[in-house]
PDB file of N, CA and C in Angstrom:
ATOM      1  N   MET A   1       0.988  -1.225  -0.204  1.00  0.00           N
ATOM      2  CA  MET A   1      -0.157  -0.333  -0.020  1.00  0.00           C
ATOM      3  C   MET A   1       0.988   1.144   0.068  1.00  0.00           C
ATOM      4  N   THR A   2       0.437   2.138  -0.812  1.00  0.00           N
ATOM      5  CA  THR A   2       1.483   3.026  -0.851  1.00  0.00           C
ATOM      6  C   THR A   2       0.785   4.360  -0.155  1.00  0.00           C
ATOM      7  N   LEU A   3       1.590   5.817   0.078  1.00  0.00           N
ATOM      8  CA  LEU A   3       1.268   6.719   0.941  1.00  0.00           C
ATOM      9  C   LEU A   3      -0.020   7.447   0.983  1.00  0.00           C
ATOM     10  N   GLU A   4      -0.581   7.514  -1.004  1.00  0.00           N
ATOM     11  CA  GLU A   4      -1.596   7.911  -1.422  1.00  0.00           C
ATOM     12  C   GLU A   4      -2.790   7.223  -0.852  1.00  0.00           C
ATOM     13  N   GLU A   5      -2.588   5.807  -1.393  1.00  0.00           N
ATOM     14  CA  GLU A   5      -3.727   4.723  -0.709  1.00  0.00           C
ATOM     15  C   GLU A   5      -3.967   4.818   0.709  1.00  0.00           C
ATOM     16  N   GLY A   6      -3.047   4.791   1.317  1.00  0.00           N
ATOM     17  CA  GLY A   6      -2.988   4.817   2.872  1.00  0.00           C
ATOM     18  C   GLY A   6      -3.997   6.462   3.100  1.00  0.00           C
ATOM     19  N   LEU A   7      -3.664   7.397   2.998  1.00  0.00           N
ATOM     20  CA  LEU A   7      -4.637   8.166   2.743  1.00  0.00           C
ATOM     21  C   LEU A   7      -5.810   8.278   2.460  1.00  0.00           C
ATOM     22  N   GLU A   8      -6.269   8.025   1.111  1.00  0.00           N
ATOM     23  CA  GLU A   8      -7.319   7.266   0.846  1.00  0.00           C
ATOM     24  C   GLU A   8      -8.149   6.585   1.708  1.00  0.00           C
ATOM     25  N   LEU A   9      -7.253   5.358   2.077  1.00  0.00           N
ATOM     26  CA  LEU A   9      -8.247   4.688   2.740  1.00  0.00           C
ATOM     27  C   LEU A   9      -8.769   4.909   4.192  1.00  0.00           C
ATOM     28  N   VAL A  10      -7.825   5.657   4.575  1.00  0.00           N
ATOM     29  CA  VAL A  10      -7.648   6.885   5.749  1.00  0.00           C
ATOM     30  C   VAL A  10      -9.406   7.618   5.595  1.00  0.00           C
ATOM     31  N   GLU A  11      -9.242   8.060   4.888  1.00  0.00           N
ATOM     32  CA  GLU A  11     -11.017   8.875   4.492  1.00  0.00           C
ATOM     33  C   GLU A  11     -11.355   8.126   4.441  1.00  0.00           C
ATOM     34  N   GLN A  12     -11.509   6.892   4.103  1.00  0.00           N
ATOM     35  CA  GLN A  12     -13.230   6.215   3.418  1.00  0.00           C
ATOM     36  C   GLN A  12     -13.065   5.703   4.801  1.00  0.00           C
ATOM     37  N   VAL A  13     -12.243   5.533   5.555  1.00  0.00           N
ATOM     38  CA  VAL A  13     -12.541   4.657   7.246  1.00  0.00           C
ATOM     39  C   VAL A  13     -13.529   5.936   7.914  1.00  0.00           C
ATOM     40  N   LEU A  14     -13.085   6.792   7.768  1.00  0.00           N
ATOM     41  CA  LEU A  14     -13.274   8.038   8.576  1.00  0.00           C
ATOM     42  C   LEU A  14     -14.398   8.830   8.051  1.00  0.00           C
ATOM     43  N   ALA A  15     -15.054   8.419   6.831  1.00  0.00           N
ATOM     44  CA  ALA A  15     -15.999   8.892   6.157  1.00  0.00           C
ATOM     45  C   ALA A  15     -17.320   9.255   7.337  1.00  0.00           C
ATOM     46  N   PRO A  16     -18.068  10.251   7.304  1.00  0.00           N
ATOM     47  CA  PRO A  16     -18.229  11.769   6.490  1.00  0.00           C
ATOM     48  C   PRO A  16     -16.653  12.525   6.740  1.00  0.00           C
ATOM     49  N   LYS A  17     -16.379  12.341   8.126  1.00  0.00           N
ATOM     50  CA  LYS A  17     -15.151  13.330   8.013  1.00  0.00           C
ATOM     51  C   LYS A  17     -13.769  12.912   7.330  1.00  0.00           C
ATOM     52  N   GLN A  18     -13.388  14.272   7.435  1.00  0.00           N
ATOM     53  CA  GLN A  18     -12.103  14.736   6.381  1.00  0.00           C
ATOM     54  C   GLN A  18     -11.108  15.075   7.628  1.00  0.00           C
ATOM     55  N   LEU A  19      -9.621  14.117   6.669  1.00  0.00           N
ATOM     56  CA  LEU A  19      -8.512  14.966   7.245  1.00  0.00           C
ATOM     57  C   LEU A  19      -8.713  15.953   7.086  1.00  0.00           C
ATOM     58  N   ASN A  20      -8.110  17.183   8.009  1.00  0.00           N
ATOM     59  CA  ASN A  20      -7.429  18.716   8.047  1.00  0.00           C
ATOM     60  C   ASN A  20      -6.411  18.463   7.675  1.00  0.00           C
ATOM     61  N   LYS A  21      -5.703  19.292   7.433  1.00  0.00           N
ATOM     62  CA  LYS A  21      -4.456  19.603   6.994  1.00  0.00           C
ATOM     63  C   LYS A  21      -3.186  18.800   7.888  1.00  0.00           C
ATOM     64  N   VAL A  22      -3.303  19.438   9.032  1.00  0.00           N
ATOM     65  CA  VAL A  22      -2.404  18.863  10.138  1.00  0.00           C
ATOM     66  C   VAL A  22      -2.464  17.315  10.269  1.00  0.00           C
ATOM     67  N   GLN A  23      -3.750  16.693  10.174  1.00  0.00           N
ATOM     68  CA  GLN A  23      -3.852  15.622  10.407  1.00  0.00           C
ATOM     69  C   GLN A  23      -3.105  15.113   9.455  1.00  0.00           C
ATOM     70  N   LYS A  24      -3.110  15.446   8.112  1.00  0.00           N
ATOM     71  CA  LYS A  24      -2.635  14.814   6.989  1.00  0.00           C
ATOM     72  C   LYS A  24      -1.120  14.461   7.005  1.00  0.00           C
ATOM     73  N   ILE A  25      -0.524  15.952   7.551  1.00  0.00           N
ATOM     74  CA  ILE A  25       0.826  16.221   7.558  1.00  0.00           C
ATOM     75  C   ILE A  25       1.450  15.237   8.642  1.00  0.00           C
ATOM     76  N   VAL A  26       0.504  15.127   9.429  1.00  0.00           N
ATOM     77  CA  VAL A  26       0.791  13.681  10.458  1.00  0.00           C
ATOM     78  C   VAL A  26       1.066  11.943   9.788  1.00  0.00           C
ATOM     79  N   LEU A  27      -0.023  12.098   9.351  1.00  0.00           N
ATOM     80  CA  LEU A  27      -0.099  11.010   8.697  1.00  0.00           C
ATOM     81  C   LEU A  27       0.892  10.746   7.826  1.00  0.00           C
ATOM     82  N   ARG A  28       1.579  11.617   7.111  1.00  0.00           N
ATOM     83  CA  ARG A  28       2.088  11.281   5.649  1.00  0.00           C
ATOM     84  C   ARG A  28       3.493  11.338   6.622  1.00  0.00           C
ATOM     85  N   GLY A  29       3.450  11.693   7.478  1.00  0.00           N
ATOM     86  CA  GLY A  29       5.320  11.799   8.169  1.00  0.00           C
ATOM     87  C   GLY A  29       5.748  10.507   8.909  1.00  0.00           C
ATOM     88  N   VAL A  30       4.532  10.098   9.826  1.00  0.00           N
ATOM     89  CA  VAL A  30       4.441   8.944  10.316  1.00  0.00           C
ATOM     90  C   VAL A  30       4.750   7.663   9.003  1.00  0.00           C
ATOM     91  N   TRP A  31       3.951   7.876   8.328  1.00  0.00           N
ATOM     92  CA  TRP A  31       4.032   6.902   7.375  1.00  0.00           C
ATOM     93  C   TRP A  31       5.497   6.723   6.627  1.00  0.00           C
ATOM     94  N   GLN A  32       6.150   7.882   6.867  1.00  0.00           N
ATOM     95  CA  GLN A  32       7.670   8.254   6.150  1.00  0.00           C
ATOM     96  C   GLN A  32       8.784   7.880   7.158  1.00  0.00           C
ATOM     97  N   GLU A  33       7.767   6.881   8.206  1.00  0.00           N
ATOM     98  CA  GLU A  33       8.771   7.310   9.422  1.00  0.00           C
ATOM     99  C   GLU A  33       9.485   7.911  10.263  1.00  0.00           C
ATOM    100  N   GLN A  34       9.012   9.271  10.479  1.00  0.00           N
ATOM    101  CA  GLN A  34       9.710  10.501  10.603  1.00  0.00           C
ATOM    102  C   GLN A  34       8.999  10.185  12.475  1.00  0.00           C
ATOM    103  N   SER A  35       9.784  10.878  13.392  1.00  0.00           N
ATOM    104  CA  SER A  35       9.629  10.935  14.262  1.00  0.00           C
ATOM    105  C   SER A  35       8.625  12.532  14.380  1.00  0.00           C
ATOM    106  N   TYR A  36       7.657  12.826  15.586  1.00  0.00           N
ATOM    107  CA  TYR A  36       7.064  13.809  16.030  1.00  0.00           C
ATOM    108  C   TYR A  36       7.420  15.126  15.965  1.00  0.00           C
ATOM    109  N   LYS A  37       8.978  14.672  16.156  1.00  0.00           N
ATOM    110  CA  LYS A  37      10.106  16.054  16.301  1.00  0.00           C
ATOM    111  C   LYS A  37      10.303  16.692  14.894  1.00  0.00           C
ATOM    112  N   GLU A  38      10.578  15.360  14.324  1.00  0.00           N
ATOM    113  CA  GLU A  38      11.185  15.650  12.907  1.00  0.00           C
ATOM    114  C   GLU A  38       9.856  16.446  11.938  1.00  0.00           C
ATOM    115  N   ILE A  39       8.913  15.798  12.505  1.00  0.00           N
ATOM    116  CA  ILE A  39       7.557  16.528  11.629  1.00  0.00           C
ATOM    117  C   ILE A  39       7.359  17.790  12.399  1.00  0.00           C
ATOM    118  N   SER A  40       7.387  18.107  13.298  1.00  0.00           N
ATOM    119  CA  SER A  40       6.935  19.205  13.480  1.00  0.00           C
ATOM    120  C   SER A  40       8.286  20.580  13.312  1.00  0.00           C
ATOM    121  N   GLU A  41       9.218  19.593  13.436  1.00  0.00           N
ATOM    122  CA  GLU A  41      10.196  20.589  12.738  1.00  0.00           C
ATOM    123  C   GLU A  41      10.336  21.118  11.164  1.00  0.00           C
ATOM    124  N   GLU A  42      10.008  19.968  10.333  1.00  0.00           N
ATOM    125  CA  GLU A  42       9.762  20.344   9.346  1.00  0.00           C
ATOM    126  C   GLU A  42       8.699  21.066   8.670  1.00  0.00           C
ATOM    127  N   PHE A  43       7.891  21.598   9.061  1.00  0.00           N
ATOM    128  CA  PHE A  43       6.549  22.157   8.860  1.00  0.00           C
ATOM    129  C   PHE A  43       6.163  23.213   9.518  1.00  0.00           C
ATOM    130  N   GLY A  44       7.272  23.367  10.591  1.00  0.00           N
ATOM    131  CA  GLY A  44       6.731  24.858  11.562  1.00  0.00           C
ATOM    132  C   GLY A  44       5.565  24.610  12.745  1.00  0.00           C
ATOM    133  N   TYR A  45       5.446  23.475  12.933  1.00  0.00           N
ATOM    134  CA  TYR A  45       4.586  23.553  14.338  1.00  0.00           C
ATOM    135  C   TYR A  45       4.873  23.356  15.496  1.00  0.00           C
ATOM    136  N   THR A  46       4.709  23.379  16.720  1.00  0.00           N
ATOM    137  CA  THR A  46       5.121  22.762  17.757  1.00  0.00           C
ATOM    138  C   THR A  46       4.996  21.234  18.031  1.00  0.00           C
ATOM    139  N   LEU A  47       6.034  20.762  18.466  1.00  0.00           N
ATOM    140  CA  LEU A  47       5.833  19.202  19.113  1.00  0.00           C
ATOM    141  C   LEU A  47       4.889  19.056  19.698  1.00  0.00           C
ATOM    142  N   GLY A  48       3.989  20.128  20.786  1.00  0.00           N
ATOM    143  CA  GLY A  48       3.051  19.877  21.290  1.00  0.00           C
ATOM    144  C   GLY A  48       1.899  19.313  20.468  1.00  0.00           C
ATOM    145  N   HIS A  49       1.654  20.405  19.222  1.00  0.00           N
ATOM    146  CA  HIS A  49       0.712  20.086  18.687  1.00  0.00           C
ATOM    147  C   HIS A  49       0.325  19.200  17.612  1.00  0.00           C
ATOM    148  N   ILE A  50       1.754  19.053  17.283  1.00  0.00           N
ATOM    149  CA  ILE A  50       1.949  17.901  16.647  1.00  0.00           C
ATOM    150  C   ILE A  50       1.446  16.525  17.050  1.00  0.00           C
ATOM    151  N   LYS A  51       1.532  16.206  18.539  1.00  0.00           N
ATOM    152  CA  LYS A  51       1.807  14.832  19.177  1.00  0.00           C
ATOM    153  C   LYS A  51       0.043  15.119  19.638  1.00  0.00           C
ATOM    154  N   ASP A  52      -0.444  16.245  19.728  1.00  0.00           N
ATOM    155  CA  ASP A  52      -1.850  15.877  19.985  1.00  0.00           C
ATOM    156  C   ASP A  52      -2.609  15.690  18.757  1.00  0.00           C
ATOM    157  N   THR A  53      -2.148  15.963  17.752  1.00  0.00           N
ATOM    158  CA  THR A  53      -2.719  15.849  16.415  1.00  0.00           C
ATOM    159  C   THR A  53      -3.134  14.813  16.482  1.00  0.00           C
ATOM    160  N   GLY A  54      -1.717  13.663  16.225  1.00  0.00           N
ATOM    161  CA  GLY A  54      -1.292  12.637  16.576  1.00  0.00           C
ATOM    162  C   GLY A  54      -2.239  11.699  17.328  1.00  0.00           C
ATOM    163  N   ALA A  55      -2.675  11.946  18.248  1.00  0.00           N
ATOM    164  CA  ALA A  55      -3.176  11.349  19.335  1.00  0.00           C
ATOM    165  C   ALA A  55      -4.488  11.421  18.842  1.00  0.00           C
ATOM    166  N   ASP A  56      -5.154  12.645  18.638  1.00  0.00           N
ATOM    167  CA  ASP A  56      -6.352  12.465  18.139  1.00  0.00           C
ATOM    168  C   ASP A  56      -6.586  12.176  17.380  1.00  0.00           C
ATOM    169  N   LEU A  57      -6.002  11.694  15.884  1.00  0.00           N
ATOM    170  CA  LEU A  57      -6.139  11.057  14.523  1.00  0.00           C
ATOM    171  C   LEU A  57      -6.067   9.548  14.807  1.00  0.00           C
ATOM    172  N   TRP A  58      -5.299   9.088  16.431  1.00  0.00           N
ATOM    173  CA  TRP A  58      -5.281   7.662  16.295  1.00  0.00           C
ATOM    174  C   TRP A  58      -6.150   6.772  17.405  1.00  0.00           C
ATOM    175  N   LYS A  59      -7.197   7.892  18.161  1.00  0.00           N
ATOM    176  CA  LYS A  59      -8.497   7.805  18.075  1.00  0.00           C
ATOM    177  C   LYS A  59      -9.472   7.705  17.627  1.00  0.00           C
ATOM    178  N   LEU A  60      -9.602   9.069  16.618  1.00  0.00           N
ATOM    179  CA  LEU A  60     -10.191   8.593  15.639  1.00  0.00           C
ATOM    180  C   LEU A  60     -10.367   7.159  14.642  1.00  0.00           C
ATOM    181  N   LEU A  61      -9.090   7.318  14.374  1.00  0.00           N
ATOM    182  CA  LEU A  61      -8.936   5.947  13.466  1.00  0.00           C
ATOM    183  C   LEU A  61      -9.190   4.285  14.466  1.00  0.00           C
ATOM    184  N   SER A  62      -8.991   4.508  16.046  1.00  0.00           N
ATOM    185  CA  SER A  62      -9.690   3.284  16.998  1.00  0.00           C
ATOM    186  C   SER A  62     -10.816   3.147  16.629  1.00  0.00           C
ATOM    187  N   ALA A  63     -11.713   4.444  17.164  1.00  0.00           N
ATOM    188  CA  ALA A  63     -13.187   4.656  16.916  1.00  0.00           C
ATOM    189  C   ALA A  63     -13.939   4.199  15.608  1.00  0.00           C
ATOM    190  N   ALA A  64     -13.111   4.505  14.292  1.00  0.00           N
ATOM    191  CA  ALA A  64     -13.977   4.049  13.109  1.00  0.00           C
ATOM    192  C   ALA A  64     -13.905   2.735  13.062  1.00  0.00           C
ATOM    193  N   THR A  65     -12.488   2.100  13.326  1.00  0.00           N
ATOM    194  CA  THR A  65     -12.029   0.168  12.818  1.00  0.00           C
ATOM    195  C   THR A  65     -12.516  -0.497  13.825  1.00  0.00           C
ATOM    196  N   GLY A  66     -12.348   0.031  15.328  1.00  0.00           N
ATOM    197  CA  GLY A  66     -12.998  -1.040  16.298  1.00  0.00           C
ATOM    198  C   GLY A  66     -11.646  -1.694  16.855  1.00  0.00           C
ATOM    199  N   GLU A  67     -10.617  -1.276  16.785  1.00  0.00           N
ATOM    200  CA  GLU A  67      -8.906  -1.763  16.417  1.00  0.00           C
ATOM    201  C   GLU A  67      -8.442  -0.412  17.454  1.00  0.00           C
ATOM    202  N   LYS A  68      -7.656  -0.983  18.111  1.00  0.00           N
ATOM    203  CA  LYS A  68      -6.670   0.114  18.841  1.00  0.00           C
ATOM    204  C   LYS A  68      -5.606   0.615  17.726  1.00  0.00           C
ATOM    205  N   ALA A  69      -5.932   1.845  17.182  1.00  0.00           N
ATOM    206  CA  ALA A  69      -4.892   2.385  16.450  1.00  0.00           C
ATOM    207  C   ALA A  69      -3.622   3.421  17.164  1.00  0.00           C
ATOM    208  N   THR A  70      -2.142   2.914  16.912  1.00  0.00           N
ATOM    209  CA  THR A  70      -1.560   4.169  17.065  1.00  0.00           C
ATOM    210  C   THR A  70      -0.832   4.014  15.757  1.00  0.00           C
ATOM    211  N   ARG A  71       0.932   5.187  16.373  1.00  0.00           N
ATOM    212  CA  ARG A  71       1.811   5.433  14.875  1.00  0.00           C
ATOM    213  C   ARG A  71       2.061   4.407  14.788  1.00  0.00           C
ATOM    214  N   TYR A  72       2.609   3.308  15.474  1.00  0.00           N
ATOM    215  CA  TYR A  72       3.071   2.224  14.805  1.00  0.00           C
ATOM    216  C   TYR A  72       2.275   0.906  14.156  1.00  0.00           C
ATOM    217  N   ASN A  73       1.426   0.646  15.126  1.00  0.00           N
ATOM    218  CA  ASN A  73       0.177  -0.064  14.071  1.00  0.00           C
ATOM    219  C   ASN A  73      -0.810   0.587  13.077  1.00  0.00           C
ATOM    220  N   PHE A  74      -1.354   1.319  12.714  1.00  0.00           N
ATOM    221  CA  PHE A  74      -1.937   2.146  12.231  1.00  0.00           C
ATOM    222  C   PHE A  74      -2.333   1.548  10.301  1.00  0.00           C
ATOM    223  N   ARG A  75      -1.034   1.082   9.846  1.00  0.00           N
ATOM    224  CA  ARG A  75      -0.723   0.552   8.361  1.00  0.00           C
ATOM    225  C   ARG A  75      -1.411  -0.980   8.794  1.00  0.00           C
ATOM    226  N   GLY A  76      -1.232  -1.819   9.729  1.00  0.00           N
ATOM    227  CA  GLY A  76      -2.177  -2.942  10.107  1.00  0.00           C
ATOM    228  C   GLY A  76      -3.426  -2.773  10.494  1.00  0.00           C
ATOM    229  N   VAL A  77      -3.966  -1.599  11.189  1.00  0.00           N
ATOM    230  CA  VAL A  77      -5.147  -1.401  11.565  1.00  0.00           C
ATOM    231  C   VAL A  77      -5.814  -1.129  10.117  1.00  0.00           C
ATOM    232  N   LEU A  78      -5.355  -0.203   9.168  1.00  0.00           N
ATOM    233  CA  LEU A  78      -5.855   0.132   8.012  1.00  0.00           C
ATOM    234  C   LEU A  78      -5.942  -1.325   6.710  1.00  0.00           C
ATOM    235  N   LYS A  79      -5.573  -2.190   7.161  1.00  0.00           N
ATOM    236  CA  LYS A  79      -5.147  -3.408   6.246  1.00  0.00           C
ATOM    237  C   LYS A  79      -6.602  -4.390   6.744  1.00  0.00           C
ATOM    238  N   TRP A  80      -6.340  -4.180   8.433  1.00  0.00           N
ATOM    239  CA  TRP A  80      -7.793  -4.815   8.812  1.00  0.00           C
ATOM    240  C   TRP A  80      -8.990  -4.424   8.467  1.00  0.00           C
ATOM    241  N   ALA A  81      -9.124  -3.147   8.575  1.00  0.00           N
ATOM    242  CA  ALA A  81      -9.927  -2.516   7.976  1.00  0.00           C
ATOM    243  C   ALA A  81     -10.784  -2.740   6.614  1.00  0.00           C
ATOM    244  N   THR A  82      -9.612  -2.838   5.566  1.00  0.00           N
ATOM    245  CA  THR A  82     -10.132  -3.234   4.438  1.00  0.00           C
ATOM    246  C   THR A  82     -10.683  -4.898   4.366  1.00  0.00           C
ATOM    247  N   ILE A  83      -9.683  -5.566   4.905  1.00  0.00           N
ATOM    248  CA  ILE A  83     -10.157  -6.901   4.801  1.00  0.00           C
ATOM    249  C   ILE A  83     -11.648  -7.012   5.383  1.00  0.00           C
ATOM    250  N   SER A  84     -11.922  -6.383   6.263  1.00  0.00           N
ATOM    251  CA  SER A  84     -13.226  -6.715   7.351  1.00  0.00           C
ATOM    252  C   SER A  84     -14.137  -5.935   6.169  1.00  0.00           C
ATOM    253  N   ARG A  85     -14.375  -4.494   5.579  1.00  0.00           N
ATOM    254  CA  ARG A  85     -15.004  -3.888   4.752  1.00  0.00           C
ATOM    255  C   ARG A  85     -15.318  -5.387   3.570  1.00  0.00           C
ATOM    256  N   SER A  86     -14.435  -5.766   3.249  1.00  0.00           N
ATOM    257  CA  SER A  86     -14.307  -7.072   1.805  1.00  0.00           C
ATOM    258  C   SER A  86     -15.022  -7.947   1.999  1.00  0.00           C
ATOM    259  N   GLU A  87     -15.098  -8.608   3.647  1.00  0.00           N
ATOM    260  CA  GLU A  87     -15.786  -9.625   3.806  1.00  0.00           C
ATOM    261  C   GLU A  87     -17.442  -9.446   3.722  1.00  0.00           C
ATOM    262  N   PRO A  88     -18.068 -10.268   3.352  1.00  0.00           N
ATOM    263  CA  PRO A  88     -19.867 -10.687   3.217  1.00  0.00           C
ATOM    264  C   PRO A  88     -20.009 -10.748   4.656  1.00  0.00           C
TER     265      PRO A  88
END
């Protein structure tokens, strides 16, 4: 799964909600295995804001999928959500 496919899948899972700009930045950064500090420095946000945004994002994904999502396992959660949606 590519980054773009992952972003699209997250938006499908969270629909009708859409990711905001900072949530997309966090998701892209984490996908590329950047630390929250690296993300905050690259995009000019405070570390606290990036951490809070990440925590909120993982909570949204957890609620939408029924599986605990974290920055470390969200790809697996997305794969599980894809499989669950395709089963009858």
